[in-house]
Amino acid sequence: MTNFTNAKSPNINLIEEHYDIKNDIFVPIWHKALLTLEEAAKYSGIGINKLRDVSNEPGCEFVFFVGGKRLIKRKELDEYISKAHSI
């Protein structure tokens, strides 16, 4: 019999990245309002560099800055993707 207790599931990295051990809080990426570039890339399948380029454009409606930190508004990114033909 195989012991699977130490085996990682393919999606465990997504879970670990969004689990706040210090505060014991888990927020699934699809429930977060704001995503980091890395999260937005995993969520959308669009590369980090392309997301950075598009979010640098004047009038980009899915970028949100907190100081110098660039975050992506998830719902607005979804809308942008649904309307876009290509990027």
C-alpha atoms as a PDB file:
ATOM      1  CA  MET A   1       0.000   0.000   0.000  1.00  0.00           C
ATOM      2  CA  THR A   2       1.327   3.451  -0.950  1.00  0.00           C
ATOM      3  CA  ASN A   3       1.536   6.161   1.687  1.00  0.00           C
ATOM      4  CA  PHE A   4       0.341   9.472   0.263  1.00  0.00           C
ATOM      5  CA  THR A   5       0.597  11.507   3.465  1.00  0.00           C
ATOM      6  CA  ASN A   6       3.797  13.254   2.354  1.00  0.00           C
ATOM      7  CA  ALA A   7       2.885  13.573  -1.311  1.00  0.00           C
ATOM      8  CA  LYS A   8       2.132  17.082  -2.558  1.00  0.00           C
ATOM      9  CA  SER A   9      -0.875  17.519  -4.786  1.00  0.00           C
ATOM     10  CA  PRO A  10      -0.287  19.476  -8.024  1.00  0.00           C
ATOM     11  CA  ASN A  11      -2.234  22.454  -6.672  1.00  0.00           C
ATOM     12  CA  ILE A  12      -0.592  22.634  -3.249  1.00  0.00           C
ATOM     13  CA  ASN A  13       1.723  25.444  -4.371  1.00  0.00           C
ATOM     14  CA  LEU A  14      -1.271  27.648  -5.195  1.00  0.00           C
ATOM     15  CA  ILE A  15      -2.714  26.921  -1.777  1.00  0.00           C
ATOM     16  CA  GLU A  16       0.581  27.532   0.056  1.00  0.00           C
ATOM     17  CA  GLU A  17       1.121  30.851  -1.724  1.00  0.00           C
ATOM     18  CA  HIS A  18      -2.217  32.217  -0.543  1.00  0.00           C
ATOM     19  CA  TYR A  19      -2.209  30.871   2.996  1.00  0.00           C
ATOM     20  CA  ASP A  20      -1.202  33.337   5.684  1.00  0.00           C
ATOM     21  CA  ILE A  21       0.336  31.048   8.316  1.00  0.00           C
ATOM     22  CA  LYS A  22       0.877  33.899  10.776  1.00  0.00           C
ATOM     23  CA  ASN A  23      -2.803  34.845  10.834  1.00  0.00           C
ATOM     24  CA  ASP A  24      -4.167  31.411   9.865  1.00  0.00           C
ATOM     25  CA  ILE A  25      -6.061  32.863   6.893  1.00  0.00           C
ATOM     26  CA  PHE A  26      -6.532  31.301   3.461  1.00  0.00           C
ATOM     27  CA  VAL A  27      -7.950  33.423   0.654  1.00  0.00           C
ATOM     28  CA  PRO A  28      -8.343  31.622  -2.680  1.00  0.00           C
ATOM     29  CA  ILE A  29      -6.942  33.619  -5.587  1.00  0.00           C
ATOM     30  CA  TRP A  30     -10.366  33.776  -7.269  1.00  0.00           C
ATOM     31  CA  HIS A  31     -11.771  35.565  -4.184  1.00  0.00           C
ATOM     32  CA  LYS A  32      -9.057  38.205  -3.912  1.00  0.00           C
ATOM     33  CA  ALA A  33      -9.911  41.674  -5.176  1.00  0.00           C
ATOM     34  CA  LEU A  34      -6.281  42.631  -5.821  1.00  0.00           C
ATOM     35  CA  LEU A  35      -3.593  40.350  -7.190  1.00  0.00           C
ATOM     36  CA  THR A  36       0.158  40.691  -7.386  1.00  0.00           C
ATOM     37  CA  LEU A  37       1.649  40.440 -10.867  1.00  0.00           C
ATOM     38  CA  GLU A  38       2.684  36.862 -10.105  1.00  0.00           C
ATOM     39  CA  GLU A  39      -0.812  35.913  -8.944  1.00  0.00           C
ATOM     40  CA  ALA A  40      -2.408  37.658 -11.927  1.00  0.00           C
ATOM     41  CA  ALA A  41      -0.091  35.785 -14.284  1.00  0.00           C
ATOM     42  CA  LYS A  42      -1.019  32.420 -12.750  1.00  0.00           C
ATOM     43  CA  TYR A  43      -4.696  33.344 -12.669  1.00  0.00           C
ATOM     44  CA  SER A  44      -4.908  34.611 -16.243  1.00  0.00           C
ATOM     45  CA  GLY A  45      -2.207  32.680 -18.068  1.00  0.00           C
ATOM     46  CA  ILE A  46      -0.716  35.986 -19.273  1.00  0.00           C
ATOM     47  CA  GLY A  47       2.992  36.463 -18.605  1.00  0.00           C
ATOM     48  CA  ILE A  48       4.229  38.809 -15.895  1.00  0.00           C
ATOM     49  CA  ASN A  49       6.132  40.995 -18.361  1.00  0.00           C
ATOM     50  CA  LYS A  50       3.094  41.357 -20.632  1.00  0.00           C
ATOM     51  CA  LEU A  51       0.891  42.260 -17.649  1.00  0.00           C
ATOM     52  CA  ARG A  52       3.473  44.844 -16.592  1.00  0.00           C
ATOM     53  CA  ASP A  53       3.598  46.310 -20.125  1.00  0.00           C
ATOM     54  CA  VAL A  54      -0.177  46.509 -20.477  1.00  0.00           C
ATOM     55  CA  SER A  55      -0.625  47.954 -16.983  1.00  0.00           C
ATOM     56  CA  ASN A  56       1.953  50.672 -17.791  1.00  0.00           C
ATOM     57  CA  GLU A  57      -0.279  52.012 -20.569  1.00  0.00           C
ATOM     58  CA  PRO A  58      -2.095  55.276 -19.762  1.00  0.00           C
ATOM     59  CA  GLY A  59      -5.712  54.661 -18.831  1.00  0.00           C
ATOM     60  CA  CYS A  60      -5.220  51.020 -17.839  1.00  0.00           C
ATOM     61  CA  GLU A  61      -8.284  50.286 -15.728  1.00  0.00           C
ATOM     62  CA  PHE A  62      -7.077  47.117 -14.013  1.00  0.00           C
ATOM     63  CA  VAL A  63      -3.908  48.439 -12.384  1.00  0.00           C
ATOM     64  CA  PHE A  64      -3.867  49.721  -8.795  1.00  0.00           C
ATOM     65  CA  PHE A  65      -0.825  51.143  -7.036  1.00  0.00           C
ATOM     66  CA  VAL A  66      -0.215  51.023  -3.301  1.00  0.00           C
ATOM     67  CA  GLY A  67       2.792  53.272  -3.007  1.00  0.00           C
ATOM     68  CA  GLY A  68       5.209  51.748  -5.483  1.00  0.00           C
ATOM     69  CA  LYS A  69       3.591  48.298  -5.389  1.00  0.00           C
ATOM     70  CA  ARG A  70       1.624  47.395  -8.522  1.00  0.00           C
ATOM     71  CA  LEU A  71      -1.489  45.318  -7.962  1.00  0.00           C
ATOM     72  CA  ILE A  72      -4.012  44.038 -10.473  1.00  0.00           C
ATOM     73  CA  LYS A  73      -7.767  44.410  -9.974  1.00  0.00           C
ATOM     74  CA  ARG A  74      -8.996  40.877 -10.640  1.00  0.00           C
ATOM     75  CA  LYS A  75     -12.540  41.704 -11.814  1.00  0.00           C
ATOM     76  CA  GLU A  76     -11.331  44.487 -14.098  1.00  0.00           C
ATOM     77  CA  LEU A  77      -8.673  42.146 -15.516  1.00  0.00           C
ATOM     78  CA  ASP A  78     -11.423  39.592 -16.245  1.00  0.00           C
ATOM     79  CA  GLU A  79     -13.438  42.268 -18.051  1.00  0.00           C
ATOM     80  CA  TYR A  80     -10.386  43.421 -20.016  1.00  0.00           C
ATOM     81  CA  ILE A  81      -9.663  39.849 -21.124  1.00  0.00           C
ATOM     82  CA  SER A  82     -13.289  39.200 -22.096  1.00  0.00           C
ATOM     83  CA  LYS A  83     -13.322  42.291 -24.347  1.00  0.00           C
ATOM     84  CA  ALA A  84      -9.834  41.970 -25.817  1.00  0.00           C
ATOM     85  CA  HIS A  85      -9.077  40.150 -29.028  1.00  0.00           C
ATOM     86  CA  SER A  86      -5.331  39.988 -28.357  1.00  0.00           C
ATOM     87  CA  ILE A  87      -2.616  41.714 -26.355  1.00  0.00           C
END
